[in-house]
């Protein structure tokens, strides 16, 4: 009978058809979760959590800074995923295929998101507005081809000015170390300065050490966060001529370098404690996030590509959960 009961066909009494459906459903769920985790909305959530942690660390009033920075992060990363979709097919196929299929819609969403962030910044004052415009400007230089275009315009001058002959200006994303450093500095500026700018709190001399130490900590952590996923992308980056630490030095040496950077971040936390520049709960939260970062770096060549792409960002979610549990 076509509609008869399915007889158990395995040792545990589970029907093959039922098990197949369950496996397919579970695989589909994992794919959806993985797609979200590697997409711009997840990055936006992480960015908002980072700014919230920085707000608590700096001891300034809560403002719309986490929302604004989250919107900017979504905009920048959505546009970046579209711009690099063809090159990302080998390393992040699901995300790349989505960006190729819905590129126009993603760019519209990115523009609307950035517009909302700018609107929030306008209400918070000129400092907040200037701050919100920084990540967009950095992305233009980092990921687009306008720099090679400028180089092509300048190159003909070499006929009249010999020193300019053969000039070539690559995009920042293709410049070894400068690519990761640019992203790390942009994150540090956004995460640390946004709470101050949106709350309209000036940096008093007494608070300058806290701001400086937190900025350095976020920059160091962000550098690691950028380079760890490059272990997954090493083959694709090498094929495209993009120089990263794993491409230039290999995975083992990259791990040692990133451990050293995390060591610097740990030293900065010690300095925060020594100078009493942040509360104990904030330091504990940051230390928990750093611990996750070290663990991810240690396992960089053992994690699958989708996990490695999001694991570094999850360290901030852990830090946020610890801070929420302990209280500011």
Protein backbone atom coordinates (compact mmCIF):
# COMPACT_ATOMS: atom_id res chain seq x y z
CA UNK A 1 0.00 0.00 0.00
CA UNK A 2 1.27 3.42 -0.94
CA UNK A 3 0.21 4.97 2.34
CA UNK A 4 1.10 2.03 4.57
CA UNK A 5 3.23 2.45 7.71
CA UNK A 6 6.98 2.68 7.30
CA UNK A 7 8.60 -0.34 8.87
CA UNK A 8 11.66 0.08 11.04
CA UNK A 9 14.76 -0.81 9.08
CA UNK A 10 17.57 -0.01 11.51
CA UNK A 11 18.81 -1.61 14.70
CA UNK A 12 17.40 1.19 16.85
CA UNK A 13 13.96 0.89 15.30
CA UNK A 14 14.18 4.15 13.33
CA UNK A 15 12.78 4.05 9.85
CA UNK A 16 15.28 4.95 7.13
CA UNK A 17 12.85 7.44 5.61
CA UNK A 18 12.23 9.16 8.96
CA UNK A 19 15.93 9.31 9.68
CA UNK A 20 16.60 10.72 6.21
CA UNK A 21 14.04 13.47 6.72
CA UNK A 22 15.45 14.27 10.18
CA UNK A 23 18.99 14.40 8.83
CA UNK A 24 17.96 16.64 5.95
CA UNK A 25 16.09 18.98 8.28
CA UNK A 26 19.05 19.17 10.68
CA UNK A 27 21.44 19.84 7.81
CA UNK A 28 19.16 22.57 6.52
CA UNK A 29 19.02 24.18 9.95
CA UNK A 30 22.81 24.09 10.23
CA UNK A 31 23.14 25.69 6.81
CA UNK A 32 20.72 28.47 7.74
CA UNK A 33 22.51 29.13 11.03
CA UNK A 34 25.87 29.06 9.28
CA UNK A 35 24.66 31.41 6.57
CA UNK A 36 23.44 33.91 9.19
CA UNK A 37 26.66 33.62 11.19
CA UNK A 38 28.84 34.45 8.19
CA UNK A 39 26.54 37.20 6.92
CA UNK A 40 26.42 40.91 7.64
CA UNK A 41 23.53 40.78 10.18
CA UNK A 42 25.64 38.67 12.54
CA UNK A 43 28.53 41.12 12.21
CA UNK A 44 26.12 43.94 13.02
CA UNK A 45 25.01 42.19 16.22
CA UNK A 46 28.62 41.63 17.25
CA UNK A 47 29.48 45.27 16.55
CA UNK A 48 26.58 46.46 18.70
CA UNK A 49 27.70 44.19 21.55
CA UNK A 50 31.28 45.49 21.28
CA UNK A 51 30.11 49.09 21.54
CA UNK A 52 27.88 48.23 24.50
CA UNK A 53 30.88 46.69 26.28
CA UNK A 54 32.97 49.75 25.49
CA UNK A 55 30.20 51.97 26.84
CA UNK A 56 30.34 50.12 30.15
CA UNK A 57 34.15 50.17 30.17
CA UNK A 58 34.26 53.92 29.62
CA UNK A 59 31.53 54.57 32.18
CA UNK A 60 29.52 56.84 29.89
CA UNK A 61 25.70 56.96 29.60
CA UNK A 62 24.05 54.48 27.26
CA UNK A 63 23.19 56.03 23.90
CA UNK A 64 22.23 55.01 20.37
CA UNK A 65 25.91 54.28 19.62
CA UNK A 66 25.51 50.45 19.60
CA UNK A 67 22.61 50.71 17.16
CA UNK A 68 24.42 53.16 14.88
CA UNK A 69 27.64 51.16 14.78
CA UNK A 70 25.66 47.98 14.20
CA UNK A 71 23.94 49.59 11.22
CA UNK A 72 27.26 50.78 9.82
CA UNK A 73 28.78 47.33 10.28
CA UNK A 74 25.89 45.74 8.41
CA UNK A 75 26.23 48.25 5.60
CA UNK A 76 29.99 47.92 5.19
CA UNK A 77 30.11 44.13 5.40
CA UNK A 78 27.07 43.61 3.16
CA UNK A 79 28.68 45.79 0.50
CA UNK A 80 32.01 44.02 0.97
CA UNK A 81 30.37 40.60 0.53
CA UNK A 82 28.81 41.76 -2.73
CA UNK A 83 32.04 43.31 -3.99
CA UNK A 84 34.05 40.16 -3.32
CA UNK A 85 31.35 37.57 -4.04
CA UNK A 86 33.05 36.04 -7.09
CA UNK A 87 36.36 35.67 -5.30
CA UNK A 88 34.72 34.23 -2.15
CA UNK A 89 33.02 31.31 -3.89
CA UNK A 90 35.85 28.97 -2.93
CA UNK A 91 36.11 29.97 0.75
CA UNK A 92 32.52 30.92 1.71
CA UNK A 93 30.32 29.43 -1.03
CA UNK A 94 26.93 29.88 0.66
CA UNK A 95 27.55 33.54 1.47
CA UNK A 96 29.07 34.20 -1.96
CA UNK A 97 26.17 32.58 -3.81
CA UNK A 98 23.68 34.59 -1.77
CA UNK A 99 25.57 37.81 -2.53
CA UNK A 100 25.73 36.98 -6.24
CA UNK A 101 22.02 36.21 -6.37
CA UNK A 102 20.78 39.11 -4.26
CA UNK A 103 23.56 41.63 -4.83
CA UNK A 104 21.25 44.49 -5.82
CA UNK A 105 18.97 43.95 -2.84
CA UNK A 106 21.94 43.75 -0.47
CA UNK A 107 23.34 47.02 -1.79
CA UNK A 108 19.97 48.73 -1.31
CA UNK A 109 19.79 47.36 2.24
CA UNK A 110 23.36 48.53 2.86
CA UNK A 111 22.55 52.04 1.64
CA UNK A 112 19.40 52.24 3.78
CA UNK A 113 21.30 50.94 6.81
CA UNK A 114 24.05 53.51 6.39
CA UNK A 115 21.45 56.22 5.93
CA UNK A 116 19.77 55.28 9.21
CA UNK A 117 23.15 55.35 10.97
CA UNK A 118 23.86 58.80 9.57
CA UNK A 119 20.42 60.00 10.73
CA UNK A 120 21.15 58.77 14.26
CA UNK A 121 24.56 60.46 14.15
CA UNK A 122 23.10 63.78 12.98
CA UNK A 123 20.91 63.80 16.06
CA UNK A 124 23.91 63.12 18.27
CA UNK A 125 26.06 65.96 16.94
CA UNK A 126 28.95 66.66 14.55
CA UNK A 127 31.45 64.37 16.31
CA UNK A 128 29.11 61.40 15.98
CA UNK A 129 28.44 62.23 12.33
CA UNK A 130 32.13 62.42 11.51
CA UNK A 131 32.70 59.13 13.30
CA UNK A 132 29.96 57.33 11.37
CA UNK A 133 31.44 58.48 8.07
CA UNK A 134 34.90 57.03 8.88
CA UNK A 135 34.11 53.31 8.30
CA UNK A 136 32.54 54.04 4.93
CA UNK A 137 35.57 56.03 3.83
CA UNK A 138 37.91 53.29 5.02
CA UNK A 139 35.92 50.66 3.13
CA UNK A 140 36.11 52.64 -0.12
CA UNK A 141 39.90 52.61 0.11
CA UNK A 142 40.07 49.09 1.49
CA UNK A 143 37.87 47.04 -0.81
CA UNK A 144 37.10 49.00 -4.00
CA UNK A 145 39.17 49.57 -7.11
CA UNK A 146 39.29 53.35 -6.99
CA UNK A 147 42.94 53.36 -5.92
CA UNK A 148 44.12 51.44 -9.01
CA UNK A 149 42.01 53.85 -11.06
CA UNK A 150 43.81 56.80 -9.50
CA UNK A 151 47.11 55.04 -10.16
CA UNK A 152 46.14 54.64 -13.81
CA UNK A 153 45.34 58.33 -14.09
CA UNK A 154 48.65 59.33 -12.54
CA UNK A 155 50.76 56.84 -14.50
CA UNK A 156 50.76 58.83 -17.79
CA UNK A 157 52.51 61.65 -15.96
CA UNK A 158 55.54 59.39 -15.89
CA UNK A 159 56.31 60.52 -19.42
CA UNK A 160 56.90 64.02 -18.08
CA UNK A 161 57.95 63.15 -14.54
CA UNK A 162 60.28 60.10 -14.66
CA UNK A 163 59.76 59.21 -11.01
CA UNK A 164 56.08 58.55 -11.68
CA UNK A 165 56.74 56.06 -14.45
CA UNK A 166 55.24 52.63 -13.68
CA UNK A 167 53.28 53.92 -10.68
CA UNK A 168 50.82 51.36 -9.33
CA UNK A 169 48.46 51.98 -6.41
CA UNK A 170 46.80 48.78 -5.13
CA UNK A 171 43.65 48.72 -3.05
CA UNK A 172 44.37 48.44 0.69
CA UNK A 173 42.85 44.96 0.81
CA UNK A 174 45.73 43.72 -1.35
CA UNK A 175 48.51 45.33 0.71
CA UNK A 176 50.16 42.92 3.16
CA UNK A 177 49.55 43.78 6.86
CA UNK A 178 48.16 47.19 5.95
CA UNK A 179 44.90 45.46 5.02
CA UNK A 180 44.42 43.93 8.47
CA UNK A 181 45.80 47.00 10.25
CA UNK A 182 43.32 49.28 8.45
CA UNK A 183 40.38 47.10 9.51
CA UNK A 184 41.66 46.83 13.10
CA UNK A 185 42.12 50.59 13.44
CA UNK A 186 38.72 51.32 11.91
CA UNK A 187 37.06 48.94 14.38
CA UNK A 188 38.97 50.45 17.30
CA UNK A 189 37.96 53.98 16.34
CA UNK A 190 34.30 53.03 15.91
CA UNK A 191 34.01 50.89 19.04
CA UNK A 192 35.83 53.21 21.45
CA UNK A 193 34.93 56.64 20.09
CA UNK A 194 31.24 55.98 19.37
CA UNK A 195 30.09 55.80 23.01
CA UNK A 196 31.85 59.08 23.73
CA UNK A 197 30.65 60.87 20.59
CA UNK A 198 27.02 59.75 20.79
CA UNK A 199 26.78 60.52 24.50
CA UNK A 200 28.55 63.86 23.87
CA UNK A 201 31.08 63.12 26.58
CA UNK A 202 34.47 64.85 26.17
CA UNK A 203 37.64 62.94 26.98
CA UNK A 204 38.85 64.35 30.27
CA UNK A 205 42.55 64.03 31.15
CA UNK A 206 41.65 61.69 34.00
CA UNK A 207 39.89 59.34 31.58
CA UNK A 208 42.53 59.49 28.83
CA UNK A 209 44.40 56.35 30.06
CA UNK A 210 41.19 54.30 29.96
CA UNK A 211 40.42 55.47 26.44
CA UNK A 212 43.97 54.82 25.24
CA UNK A 213 44.22 51.36 26.79
CA UNK A 214 40.79 50.32 25.55
CA UNK A 215 41.58 51.59 22.06
CA UNK A 216 44.82 49.61 21.95
CA UNK A 217 43.05 46.50 23.29
CA UNK A 218 40.28 46.65 20.67
CA UNK A 219 42.82 47.28 17.89
CA UNK A 220 44.92 44.28 18.93
CA UNK A 221 41.90 42.00 19.26
CA UNK A 222 40.49 43.19 15.93
CA UNK A 223 43.77 42.44 14.16
CA UNK A 224 43.58 38.86 15.41
CA UNK A 225 39.91 38.63 14.44
CA UNK A 226 40.79 39.62 10.88
CA UNK A 227 43.72 37.26 10.46
CA UNK A 228 42.23 34.09 12.01
CA UNK A 229 39.60 33.62 9.26
CA UNK A 230 42.38 34.13 6.72
CA UNK A 231 43.55 30.63 7.65
CA UNK A 232 40.33 29.39 6.04
CA UNK A 233 40.81 31.69 3.05
CA UNK A 234 44.50 30.95 2.47
CA UNK A 235 44.00 29.11 -0.83
CA UNK A 236 41.53 31.65 -2.22
CA UNK A 237 43.67 34.61 -1.10
CA UNK A 238 46.80 33.11 -2.65
CA UNK A 239 44.96 32.50 -5.93
CA UNK A 240 43.81 36.14 -6.00
CA UNK A 241 47.22 37.51 -5.05
CA UNK A 242 46.04 38.81 -1.67
CA UNK A 243 48.84 38.69 0.92
CA UNK A 244 47.82 37.72 4.44
CA UNK A 245 49.79 36.26 7.33
CA UNK A 246 48.80 32.65 6.49
CA UNK A 247 49.69 33.19 2.83
CA UNK A 248 53.08 34.74 3.54
CA UNK A 249 54.22 32.84 6.66
CA UNK A 250 52.05 29.74 6.79
CA UNK A 251 49.52 28.65 9.39
CA UNK A 252 51.96 27.59 12.14
CA UNK A 253 53.90 30.85 12.12
CA UNK A 254 50.65 32.84 11.85
CA UNK A 255 49.42 31.15 15.01
CA UNK A 256 52.56 32.19 16.89
CA UNK A 257 52.25 35.77 15.68
CA UNK A 258 48.61 35.96 16.72
CA UNK A 259 49.42 34.46 20.12
CA UNK A 260 51.92 37.31 20.53
CA UNK A 261 49.26 39.88 19.63
CA UNK A 262 46.84 38.29 22.09
CA UNK A 263 49.66 38.49 24.63
CA UNK A 264 49.82 42.23 24.02
CA UNK A 265 46.06 42.40 24.59
CA UNK A 266 46.50 40.52 27.86
CA UNK A 267 49.17 43.01 28.91
CA UNK A 268 46.77 45.86 28.18
CA UNK A 269 44.18 44.22 30.45
CA UNK A 270 46.80 44.01 33.19
CA UNK A 271 47.46 47.72 32.68
CA UNK A 272 43.72 48.43 33.00
CA UNK A 273 43.71 46.62 36.33
CA UNK A 274 46.94 48.23 37.54
CA UNK A 275 45.70 51.74 36.77
CA UNK A 276 42.16 51.03 38.02
CA UNK A 277 40.97 52.30 34.65
CA UNK A 278 38.03 49.89 34.39
CA UNK A 279 35.74 48.02 36.74
CA UNK A 280 36.43 44.43 37.74
CA UNK A 281 33.39 43.12 35.86
CA UNK A 282 34.48 44.84 32.65
CA UNK A 283 38.00 43.41 32.95
CA UNK A 284 36.56 39.96 33.67
CA UNK A 285 34.35 40.19 30.58
CA UNK A 286 37.22 41.31 28.38
CA UNK A 287 39.43 38.55 29.80
CA UNK A 288 36.75 35.95 29.02
CA UNK A 289 36.57 37.18 25.44
CA UNK A 290 40.35 37.11 25.17
CA UNK A 291 40.37 33.53 26.44
CA UNK A 292 37.98 32.52 23.66
CA UNK A 293 40.20 34.32 21.15
CA UNK A 294 43.28 32.40 22.29
CA UNK A 295 41.37 29.11 22.07
CA UNK A 296 40.17 29.89 18.55
CA UNK A 297 43.68 30.81 17.45
CA UNK A 298 45.02 27.55 18.88
CA UNK A 299 42.41 25.59 16.92
CA UNK A 300 42.60 27.68 13.75
CA UNK A 301 43.79 24.84 11.51
CA UNK A 302 41.41 22.28 13.05
CA UNK A 303 38.08 24.10 12.79
CA UNK A 304 36.02 23.86 9.63
CA UNK A 305 35.73 26.92 7.43
CA UNK A 306 32.26 28.04 8.52
CA UNK A 307 33.12 27.75 12.22
CA UNK A 308 36.44 29.52 11.81
CA UNK A 309 34.74 32.39 10.04
CA UNK A 310 32.54 33.26 13.03
CA UNK A 311 34.38 31.89 16.08
CA UNK A 312 36.54 35.03 16.63
CA UNK A 313 33.43 37.24 16.68
CA UNK A 314 31.74 34.92 19.15
CA UNK A 315 34.36 35.94 21.71
CA UNK A 316 32.58 39.31 22.02
CA UNK A 317 29.26 37.59 22.58
CA UNK A 318 30.89 35.63 25.42
CA UNK A 319 32.31 38.87 26.83
CA UNK A 320 28.91 40.52 26.59
CA UNK A 321 27.24 37.61 28.36
CA UNK A 322 29.80 37.73 31.19
CA UNK A 323 29.34 41.47 31.60
CA UNK A 324 25.58 41.08 31.60
CA UNK A 325 25.83 38.39 34.28
CA UNK A 326 28.24 40.36 36.49
CA UNK A 327 26.80 43.80 35.87
CA UNK A 328 28.82 46.90 34.94
